[in-house]
Amino acid sequence: MNFLVERYELICTDRKGFTWQEQAPFLTATDILRARRVTGLMNT
């Protein structure tokens, strides 16, 4: 997934205190787990 971030110069905007200069755009394990939980793909 991160190769798409690099290729299309995407940025992640849903993090608290977001500024494009301060944060790396790459997906982290936490981002993936959060997405799985929100979409119902992870049993809690």
PDB file of N, CA and C in Angstrom:
ATOM      1  N   MET A   1       0.809  -1.188   0.000  1.00  0.00           N
ATOM      2  CA  MET A   1       0.000   0.000   0.000  1.00  0.00           C
ATOM      3  C   MET A   1       0.859   1.261   0.000  1.00  0.00           C
ATOM      4  N   ASN A   2       1.946   1.223   0.731  1.00  0.00           N
ATOM      5  CA  ASN A   2       2.793   2.416   0.810  1.00  0.00           C
ATOM      6  C   ASN A   2       3.419   2.781  -0.529  1.00  0.00           C
ATOM      7  N   PHE A   3       3.555   1.803  -1.445  1.00  0.00           N
ATOM      8  CA  PHE A   3       4.087   2.139  -2.768  1.00  0.00           C
ATOM      9  C   PHE A   3       3.120   3.045  -3.511  1.00  0.00           C
ATOM     10  N   LEU A   4       1.817   2.891  -3.274  1.00  0.00           N
ATOM     11  CA  LEU A   4       0.831   3.790  -3.881  1.00  0.00           C
ATOM     12  C   LEU A   4       0.942   5.191  -3.292  1.00  0.00           C
ATOM     13  N   VAL A   5       1.198   5.250  -1.997  1.00  0.00           N
ATOM     14  CA  VAL A   5       1.387   6.541  -1.333  1.00  0.00           C
ATOM     15  C   VAL A   5       2.546   7.288  -1.979  1.00  0.00           C
ATOM     16  N   GLU A   6       3.650   6.579  -2.194  1.00  0.00           N
ATOM     17  CA  GLU A   6       4.815   7.214  -2.822  1.00  0.00           C
ATOM     18  C   GLU A   6       4.542   7.579  -4.274  1.00  0.00           C
ATOM     19  N   ARG A   7       3.955   6.650  -5.015  1.00  0.00           N
ATOM     20  CA  ARG A   7       3.747   6.857  -6.454  1.00  0.00           C
ATOM     21  C   ARG A   7       2.860   8.061  -6.743  1.00  0.00           C
ATOM     22  N   TYR A   8       1.765   8.182  -5.993  1.00  0.00           N
ATOM     23  CA  TYR A   8       0.804   9.251  -6.256  1.00  0.00           C
ATOM     24  C   TYR A   8       0.943  10.436  -5.303  1.00  0.00           C
ATOM     25  N   GLU A   9       2.005  10.413  -4.483  1.00  0.00           N
ATOM     26  CA  GLU A   9       2.279  11.490  -3.531  1.00  0.00           C
ATOM     27  C   GLU A   9       1.069  11.796  -2.652  1.00  0.00           C
ATOM     28  N   LEU A  10       0.470  10.720  -2.124  1.00  0.00           N
ATOM     29  CA  LEU A  10      -0.701  10.858  -1.259  1.00  0.00           C
ATOM     30  C   LEU A  10      -0.265  11.266   0.140  1.00  0.00           C
ATOM     31  N   ILE A  11      -1.188  11.862   0.865  1.00  0.00           N
ATOM     32  CA  ILE A  11      -0.918  12.210   2.254  1.00  0.00           C
ATOM     33  C   ILE A  11      -2.069  11.723   3.122  1.00  0.00           C
ATOM     34  N   CYS A  12      -1.763  11.400   4.349  1.00  0.00           N
ATOM     35  CA  CYS A  12      -2.763  10.957   5.311  1.00  0.00           C
ATOM     36  C   CYS A  12      -3.230  12.187   6.082  1.00  0.00           C
ATOM     37  N   THR A  13      -4.533  12.460   6.053  1.00  0.00           N
ATOM     38  CA  THR A  13      -5.041  13.689   6.665  1.00  0.00           C
ATOM     39  C   THR A  13      -5.901  13.448   7.894  1.00  0.00           C
ATOM     40  N   ASP A  14      -6.056  12.188   8.317  1.00  0.00           N
ATOM     41  CA  ASP A  14      -6.974  11.918   9.419  1.00  0.00           C
ATOM     42  C   ASP A  14      -6.301  11.856  10.780  1.00  0.00           C
ATOM     43  N   ARG A  15      -5.040  12.174  10.859  1.00  0.00           N
ATOM     44  CA  ARG A  15      -4.342  12.137  12.142  1.00  0.00           C
ATOM     45  C   ARG A  15      -4.513  13.463  12.873  1.00  0.00           C
ATOM     46  N   LYS A  16      -4.596  13.383  14.199  1.00  0.00           N
ATOM     47  CA  LYS A  16      -4.751  14.597  15.005  1.00  0.00           C
ATOM     48  C   LYS A  16      -3.551  15.505  14.821  1.00  0.00           C
ATOM     49  N   GLY A  17      -3.808  16.802  14.735  1.00  0.00           N
ATOM     50  CA  GLY A  17      -2.737  17.766  14.596  1.00  0.00           C
ATOM     51  C   GLY A  17      -2.047  17.688  13.250  1.00  0.00           C
ATOM     52  N   PHE A  18      -2.774  17.279  12.225  1.00  0.00           N
ATOM     53  CA  PHE A  18      -2.167  17.067  10.908  1.00  0.00           C
ATOM     54  C   PHE A  18      -1.623  18.344  10.298  1.00  0.00           C
ATOM     55  N   THR A  19      -0.402  18.283   9.871  1.00  0.00           N
ATOM     56  CA  THR A  19       0.154  19.254   8.936  1.00  0.00           C
ATOM     57  C   THR A  19       1.023  18.448   7.990  1.00  0.00           C
ATOM     58  N   TRP A  20       0.981  18.738   6.734  1.00  0.00           N
ATOM     59  CA  TRP A  20       1.693  17.918   5.748  1.00  0.00           C
ATOM     60  C   TRP A  20       3.199  17.970   5.926  1.00  0.00           C
ATOM     61  N   GLN A  21       3.685  18.985   6.603  1.00  0.00           N
ATOM     62  CA  GLN A  21       5.129  19.104   6.787  1.00  0.00           C
ATOM     63  C   GLN A  21       5.648  18.244   7.930  1.00  0.00           C
ATOM     64  N   GLU A  22       4.808  17.924   8.898  1.00  0.00           N
ATOM     65  CA  GLU A  22       5.270  17.264  10.113  1.00  0.00           C
ATOM     66  C   GLU A  22       5.211  15.750  10.076  1.00  0.00           C
ATOM     67  N   GLN A  23       4.283  15.164   9.326  1.00  0.00           N
ATOM     68  CA  GLN A  23       4.058  13.737   9.420  1.00  0.00           C
ATOM     69  C   GLN A  23       4.359  13.021   8.116  1.00  0.00           C
ATOM     70  N   ALA A  24       4.914  11.827   8.237  1.00  0.00           N
ATOM     71  CA  ALA A  24       5.138  10.982   7.069  1.00  0.00           C
ATOM     72  C   ALA A  24       3.783  10.454   6.593  1.00  0.00           C
ATOM     73  N   PRO A  25       3.590  10.324   5.300  1.00  0.00           N
ATOM     74  CA  PRO A  25       2.298   9.901   4.771  1.00  0.00           C
ATOM     75  C   PRO A  25       2.074   8.398   4.818  1.00  0.00           C
ATOM     76  N   PHE A  26       3.058   7.617   5.193  1.00  0.00           N
ATOM     77  CA  PHE A  26       2.954   6.171   5.084  1.00  0.00           C
ATOM     78  C   PHE A  26       1.999   5.571   6.102  1.00  0.00           C
ATOM     79  N   LEU A  27       1.347   4.492   5.695  1.00  0.00           N
ATOM     80  CA  LEU A  27       0.443   3.776   6.578  1.00  0.00           C
ATOM     81  C   LEU A  27       1.247   3.017   7.616  1.00  0.00           C
ATOM     82  N   THR A  28       0.746   3.035   8.825  1.00  0.00           N
ATOM     83  CA  THR A  28       1.384   2.286   9.902  1.00  0.00           C
ATOM     84  C   THR A  28       0.487   1.110  10.264  1.00  0.00           C
ATOM     85  N   ALA A  29       0.998   0.213  11.078  1.00  0.00           N
ATOM     86  CA  ALA A  29       0.198  -0.920  11.540  1.00  0.00           C
ATOM     87  C   ALA A  29      -1.037  -0.421  12.282  1.00  0.00           C
ATOM     88  N   THR A  30      -0.894   0.662  13.020  1.00  0.00           N
ATOM     89  CA  THR A  30      -2.026   1.244  13.742  1.00  0.00           C
ATOM     90  C   THR A  30      -3.099   1.728  12.780  1.00  0.00           C
ATOM     91  N   ASP A  31      -2.700   2.364  11.683  1.00  0.00           N
ATOM     92  CA  ASP A  31      -3.660   2.820  10.677  1.00  0.00           C
ATOM     93  C   ASP A  31      -4.439   1.646  10.094  1.00  0.00           C
ATOM     94  N   ILE A  32      -3.747   0.553   9.812  1.00  0.00           N
ATOM     95  CA  ILE A  32      -4.393  -0.627   9.230  1.00  0.00           C
ATOM     96  C   ILE A  32      -5.354  -1.257  10.224  1.00  0.00           C
ATOM     97  N   LEU A  33      -4.941  -1.384  11.480  1.00  0.00           N
ATOM     98  CA  LEU A  33      -5.827  -1.947  12.500  1.00  0.00           C
ATOM     99  C   LEU A  33      -7.056  -1.070  12.713  1.00  0.00           C
ATOM    100  N   ARG A  34      -6.868   0.244  12.712  1.00  0.00           N
ATOM    101  CA  ARG A  34      -7.991   1.169  12.869  1.00  0.00           C
ATOM    102  C   ARG A  34      -8.982   1.005  11.714  1.00  0.00           C
ATOM    103  N   ALA A  35      -8.478   0.884  10.503  1.00  0.00           N
ATOM    104  CA  ALA A  35      -9.340   0.707   9.338  1.00  0.00           C
ATOM    105  C   ALA A  35     -10.088  -0.619   9.404  1.00  0.00           C
ATOM    106  N   ARG A  36      -9.412  -1.681   9.827  1.00  0.00           N
ATOM    107  CA  ARG A  36     -10.076  -2.986   9.955  1.00  0.00           C
ATOM    108  C   ARG A  36     -11.189  -2.928  10.994  1.00  0.00           C
ATOM    109  N   ARG A  37     -10.935  -2.256  12.107  1.00  0.00           N
ATOM    110  CA  ARG A  37     -11.942  -2.153  13.167  1.00  0.00           C
ATOM    111  C   ARG A  37     -13.156  -1.361  12.682  1.00  0.00           C
ATOM    112  N   VAL A  38     -12.921  -0.242  12.027  1.00  0.00           N
ATOM    113  CA  VAL A  38     -14.003   0.629  11.561  1.00  0.00           C
ATOM    114  C   VAL A  38     -14.860  -0.062  10.505  1.00  0.00           C
ATOM    115  N   THR A  39     -14.240  -0.867   9.646  1.00  0.00           N
ATOM    116  CA  THR A  39     -14.987  -1.532   8.575  1.00  0.00           C
ATOM    117  C   THR A  39     -15.593  -2.858   9.010  1.00  0.00           C
ATOM    118  N   GLY A  40     -15.346  -3.267  10.256  1.00  0.00           N
ATOM    119  CA  GLY A  40     -15.919  -4.505  10.755  1.00  0.00           C
ATOM    120  C   GLY A  40     -15.159  -5.749  10.332  1.00  0.00           C
ATOM    121  N   LEU A  41     -13.946  -5.598   9.850  1.00  0.00           N
ATOM    122  CA  LEU A  41     -13.153  -6.741   9.406  1.00  0.00           C
ATOM    123  C   LEU A  41     -12.332  -7.363  10.528  1.00  0.00           C
ATOM    124  N   MET A  42     -12.410  -6.763  11.713  1.00  0.00           N
ATOM    125  CA  MET A  42     -11.639  -7.272  12.841  1.00  0.00           C
ATOM    126  C   MET A  42     -12.586  -7.550  13.997  1.00  0.00           C
ATOM    127  N   ASN A  43     -12.472  -8.741  14.563  1.00  0.00           N
ATOM    128  CA  ASN A  43     -13.283  -9.067  15.738  1.00  0.00           C
ATOM    129  C   ASN A  43     -12.683  -8.384  16.955  1.00  0.00           C
ATOM    130  N   THR A  44     -13.531  -7.723  17.731  1.00  0.00           N
ATOM    131  CA  THR A  44     -13.023  -7.031  18.916  1.00  0.00           C
ATOM    132  C   THR A  44     -13.339  -7.795  20.167  1.00  0.00           C
TER     133      THR A  44
END
